[in-house]
Amino acid sequence: MNPYIADTLPLQDLDYQMLFGLVGSANAELARYDGLLQGIPNPAVMLSPLTTQEAVLSSKIEGTQATVDEVLEQEAGLIKEGEKYKDIQEISNYREALFRAAEYLHDYPIRLGLIREIHKILLNSVRGKSKTPGEFRIDQNWIGRAGCPIEDASFVPPDPVRLHDFLSEWEEYIGFDDIDFLLQTAVVHAQFELIHPFKDGNGRIGRILIPLFLFSKKKLSQPMFYLSEYLESNRDEYYQRLRNISEEQDWNGWIAFFLKAIIYQAKENGQRVKTIMSLYDNMKNRIHETTHSQYSVYLLDALFNKPIFKTSDCANRLLAEYGIHKQTTLGLLRQLKEENILLELQAGSGRRAATLCFVELVNRAEGHQVL
């Protein structure tokens, strides 16, 4: 099988008549979703569970097995070793890469240097750390069953000699304004996957790029639109549509699939945002009524940002950020535990702090009852 030769961008001869209806519907649904985002006072805090869920699902597509609550438990120090810990570390890296890239885009456009930095974070101290983190490949790679020779590969990415030229053209296309930004997002994602510039982690980098690109083009007020739930649920079609580009140049089929994913996920994400906003508002009142504390909103934000936590970590954070005395925070947490707002996962013992869980938020992040 010969290495793939990337199509020249922007694409010519797309079937706009076939895609027109989907483009309109996808733009309308994404605009409705972004309207919700704009109404959230602190989206990075309130939607932290959605970011964790995206990291879990995007990593699951690549075979990583862990749940949202397991990620949160590991961050609170409850899972410290074994294969599960390694899976969770990959997911934590994914989320860290999302956060760092989002900060960067407030001041700078998407460039290849950013992609390399994201990759370096993604593979930091995990199983892919031997796959030259942050460096584009200089060897020929291929995709197929484990251990198969290149002759039996299902896909052979571009020759490394031509890789730089394809990446430069892709980078230039990102700065270009195509006929529609959602259509362009579909092309940006697929072209990156087909170029396959890294030895490992290409799929996850490509999915991170989706919200980052939409944010950079001002189609989103926050880089917080996650597509991995749909792509994971339709994994076979996802991969087949990408293969059809390389085998049949079927860009129309891929773009139609991608736009349907946008339509579905915008609705789903919108419902989750409404649910989380409702929980935030209800808890703001309930925590204040329970504690009668002037610090109740600060405490609520801390719970949303990290819903499974050690009491000492929460107390240290609120002291550092707002100057709230540790004993005050510990007293507030005790009241919330007595009211069953927080569940004790691990009791304190000696110098070890107790580990608590904000159950309602974890259940909403998973989409079902887990605790």
Protein backbone atom coordinates (compact mmCIF):
# COMPACT_ATOMS: atom_id res chain seq x y z
CA MET A 1 0.00 0.00 0.00
CA ASN A 2 1.36 3.43 -0.96
CA PRO A 3 1.54 6.28 1.56
CA TYR A 4 -1.44 8.63 1.54
CA ILE A 5 -1.05 11.89 -0.39
CA ALA A 6 -3.04 14.64 1.32
CA ASP A 7 -5.59 16.56 -0.75
CA THR A 8 -4.90 20.22 -1.45
CA LEU A 9 -6.78 22.64 0.80
CA PRO A 10 -9.21 24.32 0.52
CA LEU A 11 -11.12 21.47 -1.09
CA GLN A 12 -12.68 21.90 -4.52
CA ASP A 13 -15.87 20.36 -5.94
CA LEU A 14 -17.72 19.66 -2.69
CA ASP A 15 -21.44 18.92 -3.07
CA TYR A 16 -22.72 22.09 -1.38
CA GLN A 17 -26.29 21.33 -2.46
CA MET A 18 -26.20 18.06 -0.53
CA LEU A 19 -24.47 19.63 2.48
CA PHE A 20 -26.43 22.90 2.60
CA GLY A 21 -29.26 21.70 4.88
CA LEU A 22 -26.90 20.04 7.34
CA VAL A 23 -24.66 23.12 7.44
CA GLY A 24 -27.65 25.32 8.34
CA SER A 25 -28.95 22.97 11.04
CA ALA A 26 -25.50 22.46 12.56
CA ASN A 27 -24.85 26.20 12.74
CA ALA A 28 -28.25 26.83 14.34
CA GLU A 29 -27.75 24.16 17.02
CA LEU A 30 -24.22 25.32 17.79
CA ALA A 31 -25.44 28.93 18.11
CA ARG A 32 -28.11 27.81 20.60
CA TYR A 33 -25.48 25.96 22.60
CA ASP A 34 -23.14 28.95 22.58
CA GLY A 35 -26.00 31.14 23.80
CA LEU A 36 -26.12 28.94 26.90
CA LEU A 37 -22.35 29.22 27.34
CA GLN A 38 -22.55 33.01 27.24
CA GLY A 39 -25.06 32.97 30.08
CA ILE A 40 -22.75 31.10 32.46
CA PRO A 41 -20.82 33.39 34.85
CA ASN A 42 -17.87 31.02 35.27
CA PRO A 43 -17.94 28.29 32.59
CA ALA A 44 -14.48 26.90 33.36
CA VAL A 45 -15.69 26.04 36.89
CA MET A 46 -19.31 25.13 36.24
CA LEU A 47 -18.58 22.99 33.19
CA SER A 48 -15.50 21.27 34.57
CA PRO A 49 -17.45 17.95 34.71
CA LEU A 50 -18.11 18.16 30.95
CA THR A 51 -14.41 18.70 30.27
CA THR A 52 -13.57 15.62 32.36
CA GLN A 53 -16.22 13.60 30.52
CA GLU A 54 -14.75 14.65 27.15
CA ALA A 55 -11.28 13.57 28.27
CA VAL A 56 -12.68 10.18 29.34
CA LEU A 57 -14.62 9.56 26.11
CA SER A 58 -11.92 10.76 23.71
CA SER A 59 -9.40 8.50 25.45
CA LYS A 60 -11.92 5.62 25.40
CA ILE A 61 -11.97 5.75 21.59
CA GLU A 62 -8.25 4.86 21.75
CA GLY A 63 -8.86 1.98 24.17
CA THR A 64 -8.30 3.69 27.52
CA GLN A 65 -10.74 2.36 30.14
CA ALA A 66 -11.73 4.60 33.04
CA THR A 67 -14.82 6.47 34.20
CA VAL A 68 -15.33 10.07 35.26
CA ASP A 69 -15.67 9.14 38.93
CA GLU A 70 -12.46 7.06 38.77
CA VAL A 71 -10.59 10.04 37.33
CA LEU A 72 -11.88 12.22 40.15
CA GLU A 73 -11.01 9.58 42.76
CA GLN A 74 -7.46 9.33 41.40
CA GLU A 75 -7.07 13.10 41.63
CA ALA A 76 -8.15 12.89 45.26
CA GLY A 77 -5.45 10.26 45.90
CA LEU A 78 -7.65 7.15 46.13
CA ILE A 79 -6.12 5.33 43.11
CA LYS A 80 -2.33 5.35 43.18
CA GLU A 81 -1.01 2.47 41.05
CA GLY A 82 -1.74 -0.25 38.50
CA GLU A 83 -3.13 -0.25 34.93
CA LYS A 84 -6.16 1.79 35.99
CA TYR A 85 -3.88 4.51 37.31
CA LYS A 86 -2.03 4.62 33.96
CA ASP A 87 -5.33 4.95 32.07
CA ILE A 88 -6.43 7.76 34.35
CA GLN A 89 -3.11 9.59 33.95
CA GLU A 90 -3.65 9.64 30.18
CA ILE A 91 -7.11 11.14 30.72
CA SER A 92 -5.77 13.76 33.14
CA ASN A 93 -3.13 14.71 30.56
CA TYR A 94 -5.85 15.13 27.93
CA ARG A 95 -7.75 17.52 30.17
CA GLU A 96 -4.58 19.44 31.02
CA ALA A 97 -3.81 19.78 27.30
CA LEU A 98 -7.29 21.21 26.70
CA PHE A 99 -6.88 23.78 29.48
CA ARG A 100 -3.41 24.88 28.41
CA ALA A 101 -4.38 25.22 24.76
CA ALA A 102 -7.48 27.24 25.66
CA GLU A 103 -5.35 29.69 27.66
CA TYR A 104 -2.92 30.04 24.74
CA LEU A 105 -5.72 30.83 22.26
CA HIS A 106 -6.83 33.88 24.22
CA ASP A 107 -3.74 35.62 22.81
CA TYR A 108 -2.46 33.60 19.85
CA PRO A 109 -3.79 31.69 16.82
CA ILE A 110 -3.46 27.92 16.28
CA ARG A 111 0.01 27.10 14.99
CA LEU A 112 2.02 23.91 14.61
CA GLY A 113 4.06 24.91 17.68
CA LEU A 114 0.89 24.76 19.79
CA ILE A 115 0.05 21.32 18.40
CA ARG A 116 3.47 20.05 19.42
CA GLU A 117 3.08 21.50 22.94
CA ILE A 118 -0.34 19.86 23.33
CA HIS A 119 1.18 16.55 22.23
CA LYS A 120 4.00 16.89 24.75
CA ILE A 121 1.46 17.36 27.57
CA LEU A 122 -0.70 14.48 26.31
CA LEU A 123 2.16 11.95 26.41
CA ASN A 124 3.82 13.22 29.58
CA SER A 125 4.74 10.32 31.92
CA VAL A 126 2.36 7.82 30.29
CA ARG A 127 2.65 4.80 28.01
CA GLY A 128 3.32 6.87 24.90
CA LYS A 129 6.25 8.75 26.46
CA SER A 130 8.69 6.75 24.30
CA LYS A 131 6.89 7.96 21.13
CA THR A 132 8.84 11.26 20.89
CA PRO A 133 6.37 13.58 22.67
CA GLY A 134 6.08 16.98 21.00
CA GLU A 135 7.96 15.89 17.87
CA PHE A 136 6.55 15.19 14.44
CA ARG A 137 7.50 11.74 13.18
CA ILE A 138 10.51 11.21 10.96
CA ASP A 139 9.70 7.55 10.20
CA GLN A 140 7.01 5.89 8.12
CA ASN A 141 4.19 4.47 10.23
CA TRP A 142 1.01 2.60 9.34
CA ILE A 143 -2.29 1.47 10.80
CA GLY A 144 -3.43 -2.16 10.91
CA ARG A 145 -3.75 -5.17 13.17
CA ALA A 146 -1.03 -5.50 15.78
CA GLY A 147 2.32 -6.49 14.28
CA CYS A 148 1.17 -6.49 10.66
CA PRO A 149 3.68 -5.51 7.93
CA ILE A 150 3.11 -2.35 5.92
CA GLU A 151 1.89 -4.48 2.99
CA ASP A 152 -1.12 -5.56 5.08
CA ALA A 153 -1.84 -2.14 6.57
CA SER A 154 -5.38 -0.70 6.45
CA PHE A 155 -3.93 2.81 6.10
CA VAL A 156 -0.45 4.23 5.44
CA PRO A 157 -0.06 7.93 6.36
CA PRO A 158 2.07 10.30 4.25
CA ASP A 159 5.75 9.67 3.72
CA PRO A 160 7.73 11.61 6.37
CA VAL A 161 9.66 13.34 3.55
CA ARG A 162 6.40 15.05 2.50
CA LEU A 163 4.96 15.42 6.00
CA HIS A 164 6.28 18.95 6.61
CA ASP A 165 4.74 20.27 3.38
CA PHE A 166 1.34 18.77 4.21
CA LEU A 167 1.47 20.16 7.75
CA SER A 168 2.42 23.63 6.50
CA GLU A 169 -0.52 23.63 4.09
CA TRP A 170 -2.83 22.42 6.88
CA GLU A 171 -1.58 25.22 9.16
CA GLU A 172 -2.18 27.77 6.40
CA TYR A 173 -5.71 26.42 5.90
CA ILE A 174 -6.48 26.93 9.60
CA GLY A 175 -5.80 30.66 9.13
CA PHE A 176 -8.01 30.72 6.03
CA ASP A 177 -11.76 31.51 6.22
CA ASP A 178 -13.55 28.81 4.21
CA ILE A 179 -17.14 29.10 2.98
CA ASP A 180 -18.45 27.84 6.36
CA PHE A 181 -16.56 27.36 9.63
CA LEU A 182 -18.27 24.09 10.63
CA LEU A 183 -17.55 22.61 7.23
CA GLN A 184 -13.98 23.83 7.66
CA THR A 185 -13.80 22.24 11.13
CA ALA A 186 -14.70 18.88 9.59
CA VAL A 187 -11.89 19.26 7.05
CA VAL A 188 -9.35 20.43 9.66
CA HIS A 189 -10.05 17.42 11.87
CA ALA A 190 -10.03 14.81 9.11
CA GLN A 191 -6.97 16.17 7.33
CA PHE A 192 -5.01 16.10 10.61
CA GLU A 193 -6.04 12.49 11.26
CA LEU A 194 -5.05 11.44 7.74
CA ILE A 195 -1.70 13.26 7.85
CA HIS A 196 -1.10 11.42 11.16
CA PRO A 197 1.94 13.54 12.07
CA PHE A 198 2.84 11.89 15.41
CA LYS A 199 3.86 8.37 16.32
CA ASP A 200 1.03 8.23 18.89
CA GLY A 201 -1.85 10.38 20.13
CA ASN A 202 -3.07 11.66 16.75
CA GLY A 203 -6.73 10.86 17.39
CA ARG A 204 -6.86 12.68 20.70
CA ILE A 205 -5.01 15.72 19.33
CA GLY A 206 -7.43 15.83 16.40
CA ARG A 207 -10.44 15.83 18.73
CA ILE A 208 -8.94 18.48 21.02
CA LEU A 209 -8.62 20.64 17.90
CA ILE A 210 -12.39 20.72 17.32
CA PRO A 211 -13.37 23.12 20.16
CA LEU A 212 -10.07 25.00 19.84
CA PHE A 213 -10.65 25.72 16.16
CA LEU A 214 -14.26 26.82 16.69
CA PHE A 215 -13.13 29.11 19.51
CA SER A 216 -10.32 30.57 17.41
CA LYS A 217 -12.85 31.36 14.64
CA LYS A 218 -15.19 32.97 17.19
CA LYS A 219 -17.91 30.39 16.57
CA LEU A 220 -17.78 29.66 20.31
CA SER A 221 -17.40 32.11 23.18
CA GLN A 222 -15.51 29.40 25.13
CA PRO A 223 -13.48 26.46 23.75
CA MET A 224 -15.94 24.04 25.34
CA PHE A 225 -17.77 22.01 22.71
CA TYR A 226 -16.98 18.33 22.94
CA LEU A 227 -17.78 15.78 20.22
CA SER A 228 -16.24 12.58 21.54
CA GLU A 229 -19.49 11.19 22.95
CA TYR A 230 -20.98 10.96 19.45
CA LEU A 231 -17.73 9.80 17.86
CA GLU A 232 -17.26 7.08 20.49
CA SER A 233 -20.88 5.91 20.10
CA ASN A 234 -20.41 5.75 16.33
CA ARG A 235 -16.80 4.64 16.34
CA ASP A 236 -17.00 2.21 13.42
CA GLU A 237 -18.64 4.77 11.12
CA TYR A 238 -16.21 7.45 12.35
CA TYR A 239 -13.21 5.40 11.23
CA GLN A 240 -14.91 4.21 8.03
CA ARG A 241 -15.76 7.76 6.97
CA LEU A 242 -12.12 8.75 7.43
CA ARG A 243 -10.99 5.69 5.46
CA ASN A 244 -13.41 6.58 2.67
CA ILE A 245 -11.58 9.89 2.22
CA SER A 246 -8.25 8.14 1.65
CA GLU A 247 -9.70 5.33 -0.47
CA GLU A 248 -12.44 7.10 -2.44
CA GLN A 249 -11.88 10.84 -1.79
CA ASP A 250 -15.36 10.86 -0.24
CA TRP A 251 -15.11 14.19 1.56
CA ASN A 252 -18.86 14.81 1.18
CA GLY A 253 -19.71 11.66 3.16
CA TRP A 254 -17.26 12.57 5.92
CA ILE A 255 -18.48 16.18 6.19
CA ALA A 256 -22.13 15.06 6.30
CA PHE A 257 -21.28 12.62 9.13
CA PHE A 258 -19.40 15.34 11.01
CA LEU A 259 -22.23 17.87 10.69
CA LYS A 260 -24.73 15.30 11.99
CA ALA A 261 -22.39 14.80 14.95
CA ILE A 262 -22.40 18.57 15.60
CA ILE A 263 -26.22 18.69 15.47
CA TYR A 264 -26.62 15.75 17.87
CA GLN A 265 -23.89 16.81 20.29
CA ALA A 266 -24.95 20.46 20.44
CA LYS A 267 -28.39 19.33 21.63
CA GLU A 268 -26.97 16.83 24.12
CA ASN A 269 -24.35 19.22 25.47
CA GLY A 270 -26.97 21.96 25.73
CA GLN A 271 -29.18 19.75 27.90
CA ARG A 272 -26.22 18.89 30.13
CA VAL A 273 -25.31 22.55 30.50
CA LYS A 274 -28.90 23.35 31.53
CA THR A 275 -28.86 20.50 34.04
CA ILE A 276 -25.56 21.59 35.55
CA MET A 277 -26.67 25.26 35.69
CA SER A 278 -29.86 24.19 37.45
CA LEU A 279 -27.87 22.12 39.95
CA TYR A 280 -25.53 25.07 40.56
CA ASP A 281 -28.43 27.46 41.25
CA ASN A 282 -30.22 24.97 43.50
CA MET A 283 -27.06 24.18 45.43
CA LYS A 284 -26.18 27.85 45.82
CA ASN A 285 -29.44 28.31 47.73
CA ARG A 286 -29.24 25.02 49.62
CA ILE A 287 -25.65 25.47 50.79
CA HIS A 288 -26.36 29.03 51.93
CA GLU A 289 -29.46 27.88 53.82
CA THR A 290 -27.46 25.06 55.42
CA THR A 291 -24.37 27.05 56.41
CA HIS A 292 -25.59 30.69 56.55
CA SER A 293 -22.02 31.48 55.51
CA GLN A 294 -20.75 34.42 53.47
CA TYR A 295 -18.33 31.94 51.89
CA SER A 296 -20.97 29.55 50.53
CA VAL A 297 -20.48 30.53 46.85
CA TYR A 298 -16.70 30.09 47.09
CA LEU A 299 -17.24 26.66 48.59
CA LEU A 300 -19.74 25.75 45.87
CA ASP A 301 -17.27 26.74 43.13
CA ALA A 302 -14.63 24.55 44.77
CA LEU A 303 -17.04 21.59 44.77
CA PHE A 304 -17.86 22.06 41.10
CA ASN A 305 -14.21 22.36 40.17
CA LYS A 306 -13.23 19.23 42.10
CA PRO A 307 -16.24 17.16 43.24
CA ILE A 308 -14.13 14.40 44.84
CA PHE A 309 -11.51 15.80 47.18
CA LYS A 310 -9.56 15.57 50.40
CA THR A 311 -10.89 17.97 53.04
CA SER A 312 -7.38 19.33 53.60
CA ASP A 313 -6.96 20.10 49.87
CA CYS A 314 -10.23 22.02 49.78
CA ALA A 315 -9.29 23.95 52.92
CA ASN A 316 -5.85 24.82 51.54
CA ARG A 317 -7.31 25.99 48.24
CA LEU A 318 -9.90 28.29 49.82
CA LEU A 319 -7.24 29.70 52.14
CA ALA A 320 -4.91 30.42 49.22
CA GLU A 321 -7.57 31.88 46.92
CA TYR A 322 -9.88 33.72 49.30
CA GLY A 323 -8.14 33.83 52.68
CA ILE A 324 -10.77 31.61 54.33
CA HIS A 325 -9.40 30.01 57.49
CA LYS A 326 -8.95 26.24 57.29
CA GLN A 327 -11.08 25.53 60.35
CA THR A 328 -13.90 27.57 58.83
CA THR A 329 -13.81 25.48 55.65
CA LEU A 330 -13.62 22.21 57.57
CA GLY A 331 -16.64 23.27 59.61
CA LEU A 332 -18.62 24.11 56.47
CA LEU A 333 -17.73 20.76 54.91
CA ARG A 334 -18.87 19.00 58.09
CA GLN A 335 -22.26 20.71 57.80
CA LEU A 336 -22.64 19.69 54.16
CA LYS A 337 -21.79 16.09 55.03
CA GLU A 338 -24.40 16.07 57.80
CA GLU A 339 -26.97 17.34 55.28
CA ASN A 340 -25.99 14.53 52.85
CA ILE A 341 -24.86 17.06 50.24
CA LEU A 342 -21.41 15.47 50.51
CA LEU A 343 -20.72 11.75 50.85
CA GLU A 344 -17.69 10.45 52.76
CA LEU A 345 -15.74 8.05 50.53
CA GLN A 346 -12.87 7.56 52.96
CA ALA A 347 -12.86 8.55 56.61
CA GLY A 348 -10.06 10.61 58.05
CA SER A 349 -7.58 8.75 60.21
CA GLY A 350 -4.70 10.25 62.17
CA ARG A 351 -3.00 12.78 59.87
CA ARG A 352 -4.90 11.49 56.81
CA ALA A 353 -7.71 13.81 55.77
CA ALA A 354 -11.17 12.51 54.91
CA THR A 355 -12.14 12.18 51.23
CA LEU A 356 -15.56 13.57 50.33
CA CYS A 357 -17.71 13.46 47.18
CA PHE A 358 -20.27 15.89 45.77
CA VAL A 359 -22.46 13.00 44.56
CA GLU A 360 -25.09 14.86 42.54
CA LEU A 361 -22.52 16.50 40.31
CA VAL A 362 -20.58 13.26 39.71
CA ASN A 363 -23.81 11.48 38.73
CA ARG A 364 -24.67 14.24 36.25
CA ALA A 365 -21.19 14.16 34.76
CA GLU A 366 -21.43 10.40 34.18
CA GLY A 367 -25.01 10.74 32.88
CA HIS A 368 -26.25 8.03 35.28
CA GLN A 369 -26.22 7.02 38.94
CA VAL A 370 -22.72 5.95 39.99
CA LEU A 371 -22.74 6.68 43.73
